């Protein structure tokens, strides 16, 4: 017959094993991925952009997906210094690419590029997109947001119009108005980040936080 101390030790060992298997102990593992304040240089660190990013990708940790912010900014500076012609169309560059930190099929891509001018309001988009007030022009569907703002760099560079495009997950219904607001909020946050890092002179007209819907 085992002694009382031996029986006690055995019972404690079994209890420890059961606790380990049931997950009763507190996990010390660090969350995987980047926070909104860390992702893509922290463009989404303000409350409005953080909330939008978390909602779009369904979590609060993210994995970088082929972001090229330095290349994107360099391309915009080159465009501001280059002579423009009808055939000159700089290619947009991925400023920020993100996936959920826990994996999955959702992703987000933000591209920036120089264009000649912002588009006019297109009434044919009224059922599929919402216009917002920020920069020169801003509108969004549930899958794609577009924002245009002007940026004047120091001479001898000339003024350019920066197109910011945000592609969200493709499984969102077209009628999701909240997703439209989230995507334009992220486009606006990215545009503000680009404007600051480029050193755009004067007022870029970009909204603070969540852009308001434009009046019809």
Protein backbone atom coordinates (compact mmCIF):
# COMPACT_ATOMS: atom_id res chain seq x y z
CA UNK A 1 0.00 0.00 0.00
CA UNK A 2 1.33 3.43 -0.94
CA UNK A 3 1.94 5.98 1.75
CA UNK A 4 -0.18 9.13 2.12
CA UNK A 5 2.59 11.41 0.75
CA UNK A 6 2.92 9.19 -2.33
CA UNK A 7 -0.83 9.24 -2.96
CA UNK A 8 -0.86 13.04 -2.58
CA UNK A 9 1.99 13.47 -5.06
CA UNK A 10 0.26 11.25 -7.59
CA UNK A 11 -2.99 13.19 -7.23
CA UNK A 12 -1.21 16.49 -7.77
CA UNK A 13 0.50 15.14 -10.89
CA UNK A 14 -2.85 14.02 -12.34
CA UNK A 15 -4.43 17.40 -11.52
CA UNK A 16 -1.58 19.24 -13.23
CA UNK A 17 -1.94 17.04 -16.31
CA UNK A 18 -5.70 17.61 -16.50
CA UNK A 19 -5.26 21.37 -16.13
CA UNK A 20 -2.71 21.40 -18.94
CA UNK A 21 -4.93 19.38 -21.28
CA UNK A 22 -8.04 21.44 -20.60
CA UNK A 23 -6.30 24.74 -21.27
CA UNK A 24 -7.06 26.02 -17.80
CA UNK A 25 -3.69 27.71 -17.44
CA UNK A 26 -3.16 31.25 -18.69
CA UNK A 27 -1.44 31.43 -22.08
CA UNK A 28 1.86 33.30 -22.18
CA UNK A 29 2.11 33.25 -25.97
CA UNK A 30 2.33 36.70 -27.58
CA UNK A 31 -0.39 37.59 -30.13
CA UNK A 32 0.79 37.04 -33.69
CA UNK A 33 1.13 39.86 -36.17
CA UNK A 34 1.24 43.65 -36.24
CA UNK A 35 -1.15 46.05 -34.54
CA UNK A 36 -2.86 48.80 -36.54
CA UNK A 37 -0.36 51.27 -35.09
CA UNK A 38 2.51 49.14 -36.45
CA UNK A 39 1.14 48.01 -39.82
CA UNK A 40 2.39 49.82 -42.93
CA UNK A 41 4.18 52.53 -41.01
CA UNK A 42 1.25 53.19 -38.70
CA UNK A 43 -1.04 54.91 -41.22
CA UNK A 44 -4.07 53.49 -39.37
CA UNK A 45 -3.01 54.44 -35.85
CA UNK A 46 -5.81 56.96 -35.20
CA UNK A 47 -9.04 55.63 -33.68
CA UNK A 48 -11.18 55.92 -36.81
CA UNK A 49 -8.71 54.11 -39.07
CA UNK A 50 -7.90 51.44 -36.46
CA UNK A 51 -11.60 50.67 -36.03
CA UNK A 52 -12.10 50.49 -39.80
CA UNK A 53 -9.07 48.25 -40.35
CA UNK A 54 -10.07 45.85 -37.57
CA UNK A 55 -13.59 45.57 -39.00
CA UNK A 56 -12.47 45.07 -42.61
CA UNK A 57 -10.00 42.28 -41.81
CA UNK A 58 -11.87 40.83 -38.86
CA UNK A 59 -9.23 41.12 -36.15
CA UNK A 60 -6.70 43.39 -34.50
CA UNK A 61 -3.46 41.76 -35.69
CA UNK A 62 -2.15 41.82 -39.24
CA UNK A 63 0.45 40.29 -41.52
CA UNK A 64 2.23 42.39 -44.12
CA UNK A 65 1.49 41.37 -47.70
CA UNK A 66 3.95 42.84 -50.21
CA UNK A 67 3.82 46.45 -48.98
CA UNK A 68 6.24 48.79 -50.76
CA UNK A 69 5.78 52.20 -49.10
CA UNK A 70 9.26 53.52 -49.92
CA UNK A 71 8.90 52.58 -53.58
CA UNK A 72 5.42 54.14 -53.71
CA UNK A 73 6.66 57.45 -52.27
CA UNK A 74 9.68 57.48 -54.58
CA UNK A 75 7.41 56.97 -57.59
CA UNK A 76 5.26 59.94 -56.56
CA UNK A 77 8.33 62.15 -56.13
CA UNK A 78 9.55 61.08 -59.57
CA UNK A 79 6.16 61.92 -61.06
CA UNK A 80 6.25 65.37 -59.47
CA UNK A 81 9.66 66.04 -61.00
CA UNK A 82 8.96 64.59 -64.45
CA UNK A 83 7.59 66.51 -67.47
CA UNK A 84 4.08 65.28 -68.18
CA UNK A 85 2.77 64.37 -71.61
CA UNK A 86 -0.39 62.67 -72.86
CA UNK A 87 1.40 59.34 -72.91
CA UNK A 88 2.88 59.69 -69.41
CA UNK A 89 0.95 57.42 -67.04
CA UNK A 90 2.94 56.36 -63.96
CA UNK A 91 1.98 52.95 -62.63
CA UNK A 92 0.47 52.82 -59.12
CA UNK A 93 2.48 51.04 -56.42
CA UNK A 94 1.25 49.05 -53.43
CA UNK A 95 1.64 51.36 -50.45
CA UNK A 96 0.16 48.85 -48.02
CA UNK A 97 -0.86 45.20 -48.26
CA UNK A 98 -2.29 43.37 -45.25
CA UNK A 99 -3.78 40.03 -44.25
CA UNK A 100 -5.27 38.92 -40.91
CA UNK A 101 -2.58 37.87 -38.44
CA UNK A 102 -4.42 34.60 -37.75
CA UNK A 103 -4.58 33.70 -41.43
CA UNK A 104 -7.56 33.34 -43.74
CA UNK A 105 -8.51 34.49 -47.22
CA UNK A 106 -9.31 38.14 -46.45
CA UNK A 107 -6.86 40.77 -47.59
CA UNK A 108 -6.54 44.53 -48.07
CA UNK A 109 -4.47 46.42 -50.63
CA UNK A 110 -3.82 50.15 -50.83
CA UNK A 111 -2.17 51.57 -53.96
CA UNK A 112 -1.05 55.12 -54.68
CA UNK A 113 -0.10 56.70 -57.96
CA UNK A 114 0.05 60.06 -59.73
CA UNK A 115 -2.71 61.00 -62.17
CA UNK A 116 -3.42 64.12 -64.21
CA UNK A 117 -6.68 65.05 -62.53
CA UNK A 118 -9.47 63.83 -60.31
CA UNK A 119 -12.52 62.41 -62.09
CA UNK A 120 -15.83 64.23 -62.22
CA UNK A 121 -18.81 62.93 -60.25
CA UNK A 122 -20.36 60.07 -62.22
CA UNK A 123 -24.10 59.84 -61.60
CA UNK A 124 -24.10 56.33 -63.06
CA UNK A 125 -22.35 55.16 -59.87
CA UNK A 126 -25.13 56.36 -57.57
CA UNK A 127 -26.45 52.85 -56.91
CA UNK A 128 -23.06 51.19 -56.54
CA UNK A 129 -20.92 53.79 -54.80
CA UNK A 130 -21.13 56.54 -52.21
CA UNK A 131 -19.35 59.90 -52.59
CA UNK A 132 -17.59 61.45 -49.60
CA UNK A 133 -16.06 64.82 -48.78
CA UNK A 134 -12.26 64.64 -48.65
CA UNK A 135 -9.50 65.80 -50.95
CA UNK A 136 -10.52 66.55 -54.53
CA UNK A 137 -12.80 63.54 -54.93
CA UNK A 138 -13.62 60.49 -52.82
CA UNK A 139 -16.01 57.62 -53.37
CA UNK A 140 -16.35 53.99 -52.40
CA UNK A 141 -18.25 50.82 -53.15
CA UNK A 142 -18.21 47.87 -50.75
CA UNK A 143 -15.11 46.47 -52.44
CA UNK A 144 -13.13 49.47 -53.72
CA UNK A 145 -12.50 52.96 -52.38
CA UNK A 146 -10.94 55.81 -54.39
CA UNK A 147 -9.63 59.13 -53.09
CA UNK A 148 -7.83 61.90 -55.00
CA UNK A 149 -5.90 64.80 -53.47
CA UNK A 150 -3.51 67.44 -54.77
CA UNK A 151 0.08 67.61 -53.61
CA UNK A 152 2.53 70.39 -54.38
CA UNK A 153 6.15 69.62 -53.59
CA UNK A 154 8.92 72.17 -53.31
CA UNK A 155 10.24 73.63 -56.59
CA UNK A 156 11.39 72.59 -59.09
CA UNK A 157 8.81 69.81 -58.64
CA UNK A 158 5.27 70.56 -59.84
CA UNK A 159 1.85 69.83 -58.39
CA UNK A 160 0.46 66.34 -58.88
CA UNK A 161 -2.84 64.64 -58.11
CA UNK A 162 -2.43 61.50 -56.02
CA UNK A 163 -4.90 58.67 -56.53
CA UNK A 164 -5.33 56.42 -53.48
CA UNK A 165 -7.09 53.13 -54.16
CA UNK A 166 -8.21 50.67 -51.48
CA UNK A 167 -9.27 47.13 -52.36
CA UNK A 168 -11.10 45.32 -49.58
CA UNK A 169 -12.21 41.67 -49.25
CA UNK A 170 -14.38 40.53 -52.13
CA UNK A 171 -17.11 38.77 -50.14
CA UNK A 172 -18.94 41.88 -48.93
CA UNK A 173 -22.44 42.63 -50.31
CA UNK A 174 -22.66 45.64 -52.65
CA UNK A 175 -25.30 47.20 -50.42
CA UNK A 176 -23.08 47.28 -47.31
CA UNK A 177 -22.95 51.01 -46.58
CA UNK A 178 -20.76 50.57 -43.51
CA UNK A 179 -18.09 48.83 -45.56
CA UNK A 180 -18.07 51.76 -47.98
CA UNK A 181 -17.40 54.10 -45.07
CA UNK A 182 -14.67 51.83 -43.69
CA UNK A 183 -12.83 51.66 -47.01
CA UNK A 184 -12.94 55.42 -47.62
CA UNK A 185 -11.77 55.96 -44.03
CA UNK A 186 -8.73 53.78 -44.75
CA UNK A 187 -8.14 55.52 -48.08
CA UNK A 188 -8.26 58.86 -46.30
CA UNK A 189 -5.88 57.70 -43.56
CA UNK A 190 -3.42 56.38 -46.15
CA UNK A 191 -3.69 59.61 -48.18
CA UNK A 192 -2.97 61.71 -45.09
CA UNK A 193 0.05 59.53 -44.34
CA UNK A 194 1.34 59.86 -47.91
CA UNK A 195 0.78 63.64 -47.89
CA UNK A 196 2.72 64.03 -44.65
CA UNK A 197 5.62 61.84 -45.74
CA UNK A 198 5.89 63.52 -49.14
CA UNK A 199 5.86 66.93 -47.50
CA UNK A 200 2.99 68.28 -49.58
CA UNK A 201 2.79 72.08 -49.38
CA UNK A 202 -0.41 73.91 -48.46
CA UNK A 203 -3.84 72.42 -47.78
CA UNK A 204 -4.43 68.97 -49.24
CA UNK A 205 -8.12 69.11 -48.30
CA UNK A 206 -8.07 65.70 -46.62
CA UNK A 207 -10.58 65.02 -43.86
CA UNK A 208 -9.70 64.15 -40.29
CA UNK A 209 -11.01 60.78 -39.08
CA UNK A 210 -14.09 59.52 -40.95
CA UNK A 211 -14.96 61.49 -44.12
CA UNK A 212 -18.54 62.73 -44.31
CA UNK A 213 -20.91 61.71 -47.08
CA UNK A 214 -21.16 64.26 -49.86
CA UNK A 215 -24.50 65.92 -50.47
CA UNK A 216 -26.33 64.66 -53.50
